[in-house]
Amino acid sequence: MKKAVFLDRDGVINHDHGYTSHPDKFDFIDGVFEACQRFIDQGYIIVVVTNQSGIARGYYTETDFQHLTEWMLAQFAEHGVDIAGVYHCPHHPVSGKGDYLTNCDCRKPEPGMLLQAAKELDINLAESIIIGDNPTDILAGRKAGLKQCILIDEQGNKTKNAKADAAFPSLAQVQFFNQ
């Protein structure tokens, strides 16, 4: 079984401008490619897990999301970084429209995306890590039984979420513990 670093997208990989749906609004955070390569060199695969309530709200479509994802993956590939998978939740329990209005098990803080990735990609969750910028990311990691849950916080302050194992100002500065 593989071990994975699960990354939230908006706020971890790219600057969160709110409901990002097109490459011209997608700004990679400095050091992301190098950090991901470092994780791969440490024996992890990279998996992106992202809530996308903009789909549920009707701001953009699943096709828009897929096009942006293909573009993002191409940028990673150009930097020599292989992303093993991208999982997204298009639902919202309050603001969703039509079939997207649902309280699902894939929207973080629920662990559904992590569990699906583990099944499809043969991931050992107990040896895996999640890195996110919201308490929902940390809670999803806890519910999935991950080894470490790391918070991205501009001040590197884990008081934003006491359930986090550590906090760092950016992905580029993340260090894993107890490897």
Protein backbone atom coordinates (compact mmCIF):
# COMPACT_ATOMS: atom_id res chain seq x y z
CA MET A 1 0.00 0.00 0.00
CA LYS A 2 1.08 3.56 -0.71
CA LYS A 3 1.28 6.48 1.66
CA ALA A 4 -0.18 9.78 0.48
CA VAL A 5 -0.05 13.48 1.13
CA PHE A 6 -3.61 14.74 0.68
CA LEU A 7 -3.64 18.41 -0.29
CA ASP A 8 -6.53 20.80 -0.18
CA ARG A 9 -6.50 22.99 -3.29
CA ASP A 10 -7.62 26.58 -2.65
CA GLY A 11 -5.39 28.18 -0.03
CA VAL A 12 -2.77 25.40 -0.13
CA ILE A 13 -1.87 24.91 -3.80
CA ASN A 14 -3.22 28.21 -5.11
CA HIS A 15 -4.19 31.54 -3.61
CA ASP A 16 -7.86 31.39 -2.65
CA HIS A 17 -9.57 34.13 -4.66
CA GLY A 18 -12.98 32.59 -4.06
CA TYR A 19 -14.67 30.12 -6.41
CA THR A 20 -11.71 29.75 -8.75
CA SER A 21 -12.91 28.17 -11.98
CA HIS A 22 -10.55 29.36 -14.73
CA PRO A 23 -6.77 29.25 -15.24
CA ASP A 24 -6.48 33.03 -15.50
CA LYS A 25 -7.67 33.26 -11.87
CA PHE A 26 -5.50 30.38 -10.62
CA ASP A 27 -2.31 31.62 -8.97
CA PHE A 28 0.02 28.93 -7.64
CA ILE A 29 1.49 29.70 -4.23
CA ASP A 30 5.28 30.04 -4.29
CA GLY A 31 7.13 26.81 -3.55
CA VAL A 32 4.23 24.43 -4.25
CA PHE A 33 5.96 22.44 -6.97
CA GLU A 34 9.18 22.06 -4.98
CA ALA A 35 7.26 21.02 -1.84
CA CYS A 36 5.31 18.38 -3.73
CA GLN A 37 8.51 17.02 -5.27
CA ARG A 38 10.04 16.85 -1.78
CA PHE A 39 7.03 14.85 -0.54
CA ILE A 40 7.33 12.48 -3.51
CA ASP A 41 11.05 12.07 -2.79
CA GLN A 42 10.07 11.07 0.77
CA GLY A 43 7.93 8.24 -0.64
CA TYR A 44 4.47 9.82 -0.75
CA ILE A 45 2.03 10.10 -3.60
CA ILE A 46 0.15 13.40 -3.97
CA VAL A 47 -3.65 13.47 -3.96
CA VAL A 48 -5.76 16.64 -4.15
CA VAL A 49 -9.03 16.68 -2.17
CA THR A 50 -11.13 19.80 -2.61
CA ASN A 51 -14.59 21.02 -1.67
CA GLN A 52 -16.07 22.82 -4.69
CA SER A 53 -19.29 24.42 -3.50
CA GLY A 54 -19.09 26.82 -6.46
CA ILE A 55 -20.48 23.94 -8.53
CA ALA A 56 -23.34 23.44 -6.07
CA ARG A 57 -24.09 27.17 -6.06
CA GLY A 58 -24.17 27.33 -9.86
CA TYR A 59 -21.13 29.63 -10.18
CA TYR A 60 -19.42 27.18 -12.55
CA THR A 61 -20.01 23.68 -13.89
CA GLU A 62 -18.36 20.34 -13.32
CA THR A 63 -17.00 20.67 -16.87
CA ASP A 64 -15.42 24.02 -15.92
CA PHE A 65 -13.87 22.33 -12.88
CA GLN A 66 -12.54 19.45 -15.00
CA HIS A 67 -10.97 21.85 -17.52
CA LEU A 68 -9.26 23.78 -14.73
CA THR A 69 -8.10 20.52 -13.14
CA GLU A 70 -6.61 19.31 -16.43
CA TRP A 71 -4.78 22.64 -16.78
CA MET A 72 -3.53 22.44 -13.15
CA LEU A 73 -2.29 18.88 -13.65
CA ALA A 74 -0.44 19.95 -16.80
CA GLN A 75 1.31 22.69 -14.80
CA PHE A 76 2.39 20.14 -12.18
CA ALA A 77 3.59 17.78 -14.94
CA GLU A 78 5.65 20.60 -16.51
CA HIS A 79 7.41 20.89 -13.15
CA GLY A 80 8.00 17.12 -12.96
CA VAL A 81 5.35 16.52 -10.30
CA ASP A 82 2.93 13.62 -10.70
CA ILE A 83 -0.44 14.08 -9.02
CA ALA A 84 -1.90 10.62 -8.39
CA GLY A 85 -5.50 11.84 -8.22
CA VAL A 86 -7.86 14.75 -7.78
CA TYR A 87 -11.09 14.26 -5.84
CA HIS A 88 -13.73 16.92 -5.42
CA CYS A 89 -17.04 17.40 -3.68
CA PRO A 90 -19.52 19.43 -5.77
CA HIS A 91 -22.21 19.46 -3.04
CA HIS A 92 -23.38 21.90 -0.41
CA PRO A 93 -25.89 21.06 2.33
CA VAL A 94 -27.49 24.54 2.43
CA SER A 95 -26.60 26.55 -0.68
CA GLY A 96 -26.61 23.82 -3.31
CA LYS A 97 -29.03 23.79 -6.22
CA GLY A 98 -30.88 20.76 -7.56
CA ASP A 99 -29.02 17.48 -7.05
CA TYR A 100 -26.10 19.38 -5.51
CA LEU A 101 -28.19 20.34 -2.47
CA THR A 102 -27.27 17.44 -0.23
CA ASN A 103 -25.55 16.62 3.02
CA CYS A 104 -23.06 14.12 1.59
CA ASP A 105 -20.18 12.11 3.01
CA CYS A 106 -17.62 13.53 0.57
CA ARG A 107 -17.71 17.18 1.65
CA LYS A 108 -14.99 17.88 4.19
CA PRO A 109 -15.12 17.64 7.22
CA GLU A 110 -16.47 14.22 6.23
CA PRO A 111 -13.77 11.80 5.05
CA GLY A 112 -15.48 10.49 1.90
CA MET A 113 -12.94 11.84 -0.62
CA LEU A 114 -10.03 10.44 1.37
CA LEU A 115 -11.70 7.06 1.76
CA GLN A 116 -12.52 6.90 -1.96
CA ALA A 117 -8.93 7.79 -2.89
CA ALA A 118 -7.59 5.17 -0.46
CA LYS A 119 -9.74 2.50 -2.07
CA GLU A 120 -9.00 3.49 -5.68
CA LEU A 121 -5.29 4.25 -5.25
CA ASP A 122 -4.39 1.58 -2.64
CA ILE A 123 -3.44 4.10 0.05
CA ASN A 124 -2.58 3.24 3.64
CA LEU A 125 -4.45 5.98 5.51
CA ALA A 126 -2.62 5.29 8.78
CA GLU A 127 0.65 6.28 7.06
CA SER A 128 -0.78 9.29 5.23
CA ILE A 129 -0.97 13.04 5.86
CA ILE A 130 -3.42 15.81 5.04
CA ILE A 131 -2.42 19.42 4.57
CA GLY A 132 -5.19 22.00 4.51
CA ASP A 133 -6.00 25.57 5.42
CA ASN A 134 -9.33 25.01 7.15
CA PRO A 135 -10.49 23.12 10.23
CA THR A 136 -12.67 21.01 7.92
CA ASP A 137 -9.52 19.61 6.29
CA ILE A 138 -8.08 18.64 9.66
CA LEU A 139 -11.35 17.04 10.80
CA ALA A 140 -11.60 15.01 7.58
CA GLY A 141 -8.07 13.75 8.18
CA ARG A 142 -8.89 12.82 11.77
CA LYS A 143 -12.06 10.97 10.72
CA ALA A 144 -10.09 9.05 8.07
CA GLY A 145 -7.45 8.02 10.62
CA LEU A 146 -4.51 9.80 9.02
CA LYS A 147 -1.08 9.83 10.67
CA GLN A 148 -0.75 13.62 10.57
CA CYS A 149 -3.02 16.57 9.96
CA ILE A 150 -1.19 19.78 9.12
CA LEU A 151 -2.71 23.25 8.99
CA ILE A 152 -1.59 25.97 6.62
CA ASP A 153 -1.95 29.29 8.42
CA GLU A 154 -0.20 32.49 7.34
CA GLN A 155 1.13 33.00 10.86
CA GLY A 156 2.02 29.31 11.25
CA ASN A 157 -0.25 29.29 14.29
CA LYS A 158 -2.09 26.09 15.09
CA THR A 159 -4.42 27.82 17.57
CA LYS A 160 -6.73 28.24 14.55
CA ASN A 161 -7.37 24.53 15.00
CA ALA A 162 -6.11 22.68 18.07
CA LYS A 163 -6.79 19.33 16.36
CA ALA A 164 -3.93 20.00 13.92
CA ASP A 165 -0.60 18.31 14.64
CA ALA A 166 1.33 21.32 13.35
CA ALA A 167 0.87 24.58 11.48
CA PHE A 168 3.06 26.22 8.85
CA PRO A 169 2.74 29.50 6.93
CA SER A 170 2.83 27.73 3.54
CA LEU A 171 3.18 24.35 1.88
CA ALA A 172 6.80 25.16 1.05
CA GLN A 173 7.64 25.25 4.77
CA VAL A 174 5.88 22.03 5.78
CA GLN A 175 8.00 19.41 7.55
CA PHE A 176 6.67 16.01 8.56
CA PHE A 177 7.22 14.54 11.99
CA ASN A 178 7.70 10.94 13.18
CA GLN A 179 8.45 9.56 9.73
